[in-house]
């Protein structure tokens, strides 16, 4: 089993949605990949373990969600070593954090362009993120070619 690691700032909304969505896609397709997610700068003010908007969209997509949810987890070096593919969800937001906290990894991960709630609504962000996750599953499944979503080269180990 190979691991994907989705990164966002707080590991509460975007990365959690990507993790659950990808794992469902991988299971449906029989992919030998499993996703986890972590945060680069956890915010103590989250009102629970996972965004209600992420849960709502997962339910709308008929993606099963666990009945209990873990709280956001902060990225540690071991997480990066364990993953064969690391994706940060917004380059302009996450590259500086990677350069500060994990500088040796900043140029070794894939960056997408998925806004947070300060720039776009969940109804704008989550359908886009779902399409990116589906395209990633296609790519890993050897399916149709998809347009690159990153300004860096993807490193799959």
C-alpha atoms as a PDB file:
ATOM      1  CA  UNK A   1       0.000   0.000   0.000  1.00  0.00           C
ATOM      2  CA  UNK A   2       1.363   3.406  -0.996  1.00  0.00           C
ATOM      3  CA  UNK A   3       0.579   6.591   0.903  1.00  0.00           C
ATOM      4  CA  UNK A   4      -0.555  10.030  -0.223  1.00  0.00           C
ATOM      5  CA  UNK A   5      -0.381  12.903   2.205  1.00  0.00           C
ATOM      6  CA  UNK A   6      -2.650  15.921   1.716  1.00  0.00           C
ATOM      7  CA  UNK A   7      -1.504  19.106   3.447  1.00  0.00           C
ATOM      8  CA  UNK A   8      -3.371  22.283   4.260  1.00  0.00           C
ATOM      9  CA  UNK A   9      -3.037  24.861   6.964  1.00  0.00           C
ATOM     10  CA  UNK A  10      -5.330  23.595   9.718  1.00  0.00           C
ATOM     11  CA  UNK A  11      -6.142  19.981   8.705  1.00  0.00           C
ATOM     12  CA  UNK A  12      -9.781  20.790   9.327  1.00  0.00           C
ATOM     13  CA  UNK A  13     -11.410  21.463   5.958  1.00  0.00           C
ATOM     14  CA  UNK A  14      -9.652  21.055   2.606  1.00  0.00           C
ATOM     15  CA  UNK A  15      -7.120  18.336   3.426  1.00  0.00           C
ATOM     16  CA  UNK A  16      -9.674  16.321   5.381  1.00  0.00           C
ATOM     17  CA  UNK A  17     -12.119  16.470   2.471  1.00  0.00           C
ATOM     18  CA  UNK A  18      -9.346  15.427   0.066  1.00  0.00           C
ATOM     19  CA  UNK A  19      -8.300  12.531   2.333  1.00  0.00           C
ATOM     20  CA  UNK A  20     -11.790  11.081   2.705  1.00  0.00           C
ATOM     21  CA  UNK A  21     -12.697  11.677  -0.932  1.00  0.00           C
ATOM     22  CA  UNK A  22      -9.484  10.101  -2.225  1.00  0.00           C
ATOM     23  CA  UNK A  23      -9.776   7.064   0.034  1.00  0.00           C
ATOM     24  CA  UNK A  24     -13.298   6.441  -1.246  1.00  0.00           C
ATOM     25  CA  UNK A  25     -12.106   6.826  -4.866  1.00  0.00           C
ATOM     26  CA  UNK A  26      -9.182   4.478  -4.238  1.00  0.00           C
ATOM     27  CA  UNK A  27     -11.445   1.865  -2.673  1.00  0.00           C
ATOM     28  CA  UNK A  28     -13.939   2.077  -5.560  1.00  0.00           C
ATOM     29  CA  UNK A  29     -11.154   1.658  -8.125  1.00  0.00           C
ATOM     30  CA  UNK A  30      -9.115  -0.923  -6.225  1.00  0.00           C
ATOM     31  CA  UNK A  31      -6.069   1.365  -6.110  1.00  0.00           C
ATOM     32  CA  UNK A  32      -3.068   0.419  -3.998  1.00  0.00           C
ATOM     33  CA  UNK A  33      -3.028   3.927  -2.484  1.00  0.00           C
ATOM     34  CA  UNK A  34      -4.263   5.324   0.825  1.00  0.00           C
ATOM     35  CA  UNK A  35      -4.511   8.982   1.820  1.00  0.00           C
ATOM     36  CA  UNK A  36      -3.881  10.739   5.098  1.00  0.00           C
ATOM     37  CA  UNK A  37      -3.864  14.448   5.838  1.00  0.00           C
ATOM     38  CA  UNK A  38      -2.014  16.840   8.092  1.00  0.00           C
ATOM     39  CA  UNK A  39      -1.882  20.560   8.891  1.00  0.00           C
ATOM     40  CA  UNK A  40       1.039  22.914   8.637  1.00  0.00           C
ATOM     41  CA  UNK A  41      -0.206  25.471  11.171  1.00  0.00           C
ATOM     42  CA  UNK A  42      -3.025  24.158  13.353  1.00  0.00           C
ATOM     43  CA  UNK A  43      -5.594  26.633  14.548  1.00  0.00           C
ATOM     44  CA  UNK A  44      -6.846  26.037  18.086  1.00  0.00           C
ATOM     45  CA  UNK A  45     -10.194  27.717  17.336  1.00  0.00           C
ATOM     46  CA  UNK A  46     -11.706  24.977  15.174  1.00  0.00           C
ATOM     47  CA  UNK A  47     -15.171  24.128  16.529  1.00  0.00           C
ATOM     48  CA  UNK A  48     -14.618  20.378  16.221  1.00  0.00           C
ATOM     49  CA  UNK A  49     -12.630  17.668  14.511  1.00  0.00           C
ATOM     50  CA  UNK A  50     -13.704  18.329  10.876  1.00  0.00           C
ATOM     51  CA  UNK A  51     -15.495  21.060   8.963  1.00  0.00           C
ATOM     52  CA  UNK A  52     -19.272  20.723   8.692  1.00  0.00           C
ATOM     53  CA  UNK A  53     -18.941  21.943   5.103  1.00  0.00           C
ATOM     54  CA  UNK A  54     -16.565  19.092   4.253  1.00  0.00           C
ATOM     55  CA  UNK A  55     -18.969  16.589   5.812  1.00  0.00           C
ATOM     56  CA  UNK A  56     -21.949  18.103   3.996  1.00  0.00           C
ATOM     57  CA  UNK A  57     -20.208  17.866   0.621  1.00  0.00           C
ATOM     58  CA  UNK A  58     -19.029  14.319   1.231  1.00  0.00           C
ATOM     59  CA  UNK A  59     -22.594  13.323   2.049  1.00  0.00           C
ATOM     60  CA  UNK A  60     -23.891  15.098  -1.084  1.00  0.00           C
ATOM     61  CA  UNK A  61     -21.393  13.090  -3.129  1.00  0.00           C
ATOM     62  CA  UNK A  62     -22.573   9.867  -1.414  1.00  0.00           C
ATOM     63  CA  UNK A  63     -19.106   9.325   0.005  1.00  0.00           C
ATOM     64  CA  UNK A  64     -19.401   7.442   3.295  1.00  0.00           C
ATOM     65  CA  UNK A  65     -18.046   9.311   6.286  1.00  0.00           C
ATOM     66  CA  UNK A  66     -16.929   7.721   9.548  1.00  0.00           C
ATOM     67  CA  UNK A  67     -19.262   8.175  12.490  1.00  0.00           C
ATOM     68  CA  UNK A  68     -16.379   9.458  14.616  1.00  0.00           C
ATOM     69  CA  UNK A  69     -13.646  11.808  13.474  1.00  0.00           C
ATOM     70  CA  UNK A  70     -10.125  12.431  14.677  1.00  0.00           C
ATOM     71  CA  UNK A  71      -9.035  15.963  15.485  1.00  0.00           C
ATOM     72  CA  UNK A  72      -6.639  17.829  13.181  1.00  0.00           C
ATOM     73  CA  UNK A  73      -3.062  16.594  13.262  1.00  0.00           C
ATOM     74  CA  UNK A  74       0.078  18.626  12.724  1.00  0.00           C
ATOM     75  CA  UNK A  75       2.608  17.554  10.106  1.00  0.00           C
ATOM     76  CA  UNK A  76       5.780  15.952  11.443  1.00  0.00           C
ATOM     77  CA  UNK A  77       8.869  14.857   9.525  1.00  0.00           C
ATOM     78  CA  UNK A  78       7.966  11.169   9.780  1.00  0.00           C
ATOM     79  CA  UNK A  79       4.748  11.835   7.848  1.00  0.00           C
ATOM     80  CA  UNK A  80       6.776  13.166   4.920  1.00  0.00           C
ATOM     81  CA  UNK A  81       9.119  10.186   4.945  1.00  0.00           C
ATOM     82  CA  UNK A  82       6.234   7.717   5.000  1.00  0.00           C
ATOM     83  CA  UNK A  83       4.345   9.198   2.020  1.00  0.00           C
ATOM     84  CA  UNK A  84       5.160   8.413  -1.594  1.00  0.00           C
ATOM     85  CA  UNK A  85       3.213  11.473  -2.778  1.00  0.00           C
ATOM     86  CA  UNK A  86       2.686  14.714  -0.860  1.00  0.00           C
ATOM     87  CA  UNK A  87       0.222  17.351  -2.053  1.00  0.00           C
ATOM     88  CA  UNK A  88      -0.176  20.790  -0.476  1.00  0.00           C
ATOM     89  CA  UNK A  89      -3.518  22.270  -1.391  1.00  0.00           C
ATOM     90  CA  UNK A  90      -2.567  25.916  -2.050  1.00  0.00           C
ATOM     91  CA  UNK A  91       0.919  26.802  -3.186  1.00  0.00           C
ATOM     92  CA  UNK A  92       0.865  30.508  -2.286  1.00  0.00           C
ATOM     93  CA  UNK A  93      -0.269  29.620   1.235  1.00  0.00           C
ATOM     94  CA  UNK A  94       1.631  26.397   1.888  1.00  0.00           C
ATOM     95  CA  UNK A  95       4.988  26.764   0.159  1.00  0.00           C
ATOM     96  CA  UNK A  96       6.130  29.462   2.657  1.00  0.00           C
ATOM     97  CA  UNK A  97       5.061  27.243   5.567  1.00  0.00           C
ATOM     98  CA  UNK A  98       6.917  24.274   4.078  1.00  0.00           C
ATOM     99  CA  UNK A  99      10.006  26.452   3.537  1.00  0.00           C
ATOM    100  CA  UNK A 100       9.851  27.573   7.171  1.00  0.00           C
ATOM    101  CA  UNK A 101       9.054  24.287   8.898  1.00  0.00           C
ATOM    102  CA  UNK A 102      10.290  21.602   6.470  1.00  0.00           C
ATOM    103  CA  UNK A 103      12.680  23.370   4.062  1.00  0.00           C
ATOM    104  CA  UNK A 104      14.203  20.184   2.644  1.00  0.00           C
ATOM    105  CA  UNK A 105      10.749  19.111   1.468  1.00  0.00           C
ATOM    106  CA  UNK A 106       9.418  22.384   0.020  1.00  0.00           C
ATOM    107  CA  UNK A 107      10.482  21.567  -3.545  1.00  0.00           C
ATOM    108  CA  UNK A 108       9.718  17.844  -3.326  1.00  0.00           C
ATOM    109  CA  UNK A 109       5.953  18.052  -3.077  1.00  0.00           C
ATOM    110  CA  UNK A 110       3.126  18.807  -5.467  1.00  0.00           C
ATOM    111  CA  UNK A 111       1.200  22.036  -5.029  1.00  0.00           C
ATOM    112  CA  UNK A 112      -2.388  22.601  -6.087  1.00  0.00           C
ATOM    113  CA  UNK A 113      -4.359  25.859  -6.164  1.00  0.00           C
ATOM    114  CA  UNK A 114      -7.346  25.289  -3.878  1.00  0.00           C
ATOM    115  CA  UNK A 115      -8.549  28.327  -1.943  1.00  0.00           C
ATOM    116  CA  UNK A 116      -9.540  28.382   1.705  1.00  0.00           C
ATOM    117  CA  UNK A 117     -12.711  29.980   3.072  1.00  0.00           C
ATOM    118  CA  UNK A 118     -11.033  33.382   3.226  1.00  0.00           C
ATOM    119  CA  UNK A 119     -10.963  33.460  -0.602  1.00  0.00           C
ATOM    120  CA  UNK A 120     -13.886  31.294  -1.754  1.00  0.00           C
ATOM    121  CA  UNK A 121     -16.994  29.610  -0.430  1.00  0.00           C
ATOM    122  CA  UNK A 122     -17.164  25.872   0.228  1.00  0.00           C
ATOM    123  CA  UNK A 123     -19.657  25.609  -2.651  1.00  0.00           C
ATOM    124  CA  UNK A 124     -16.910  26.934  -4.949  1.00  0.00           C
ATOM    125  CA  UNK A 125     -13.948  25.147  -3.391  1.00  0.00           C
ATOM    126  CA  UNK A 126     -15.156  21.629  -2.679  1.00  0.00           C
ATOM    127  CA  UNK A 127     -16.470  20.760  -6.164  1.00  0.00           C
ATOM    128  CA  UNK A 128     -13.129  21.924  -7.595  1.00  0.00           C
ATOM    129  CA  UNK A 129     -11.237  19.893  -5.014  1.00  0.00           C
ATOM    130  CA  UNK A 130     -13.386  16.845  -5.797  1.00  0.00           C
ATOM    131  CA  UNK A 131     -12.462  17.155  -9.491  1.00  0.00           C
ATOM    132  CA  UNK A 132      -8.775  17.406  -8.596  1.00  0.00           C
ATOM    133  CA  UNK A 133      -9.011  14.318  -6.391  1.00  0.00           C
ATOM    134  CA  UNK A 134     -10.785  12.416  -9.167  1.00  0.00           C
ATOM    135  CA  UNK A 135      -8.102  13.487 -11.656  1.00  0.00           C
ATOM    136  CA  UNK A 136      -5.431  12.321  -9.211  1.00  0.00           C
ATOM    137  CA  UNK A 137      -7.146   8.943  -8.897  1.00  0.00           C
ATOM    138  CA  UNK A 138      -7.286   8.752 -12.709  1.00  0.00           C
ATOM    139  CA  UNK A 139      -3.579   9.552 -12.899  1.00  0.00           C
ATOM    140  CA  UNK A 140      -2.635   6.934 -10.319  1.00  0.00           C
ATOM    141  CA  UNK A 141      -4.941   4.415 -11.942  1.00  0.00           C
ATOM    142  CA  UNK A 142      -3.154   4.872 -15.271  1.00  0.00           C
ATOM    143  CA  UNK A 143      -6.345   6.371 -16.669  1.00  0.00           C
ATOM    144  CA  UNK A 144      -6.820   9.272 -19.005  1.00  0.00           C
ATOM    145  CA  UNK A 145      -4.264  12.055 -19.036  1.00  0.00           C
ATOM    146  CA  UNK A 146      -5.249  15.096 -17.060  1.00  0.00           C
ATOM    147  CA  UNK A 147      -4.052  18.654 -17.204  1.00  0.00           C
ATOM    148  CA  UNK A 148      -1.342  19.341 -14.625  1.00  0.00           C
ATOM    149  CA  UNK A 149      -2.554  21.221 -11.566  1.00  0.00           C
ATOM    150  CA  UNK A 150       0.847  22.109 -10.246  1.00  0.00           C
ATOM    151  CA  UNK A 151       3.748  24.353 -10.977  1.00  0.00           C
ATOM    152  CA  UNK A 152       6.172  21.715  -9.756  1.00  0.00           C
ATOM    153  CA  UNK A 153       6.953  18.220 -10.869  1.00  0.00           C
ATOM    154  CA  UNK A 154       5.192  15.486  -9.001  1.00  0.00           C
ATOM    155  CA  UNK A 155       7.513  13.171  -7.163  1.00  0.00           C
ATOM    156  CA  UNK A 156       6.090   9.686  -6.697  1.00  0.00           C
ATOM    157  CA  UNK A 157       8.488   7.384  -4.859  1.00  0.00           C
END
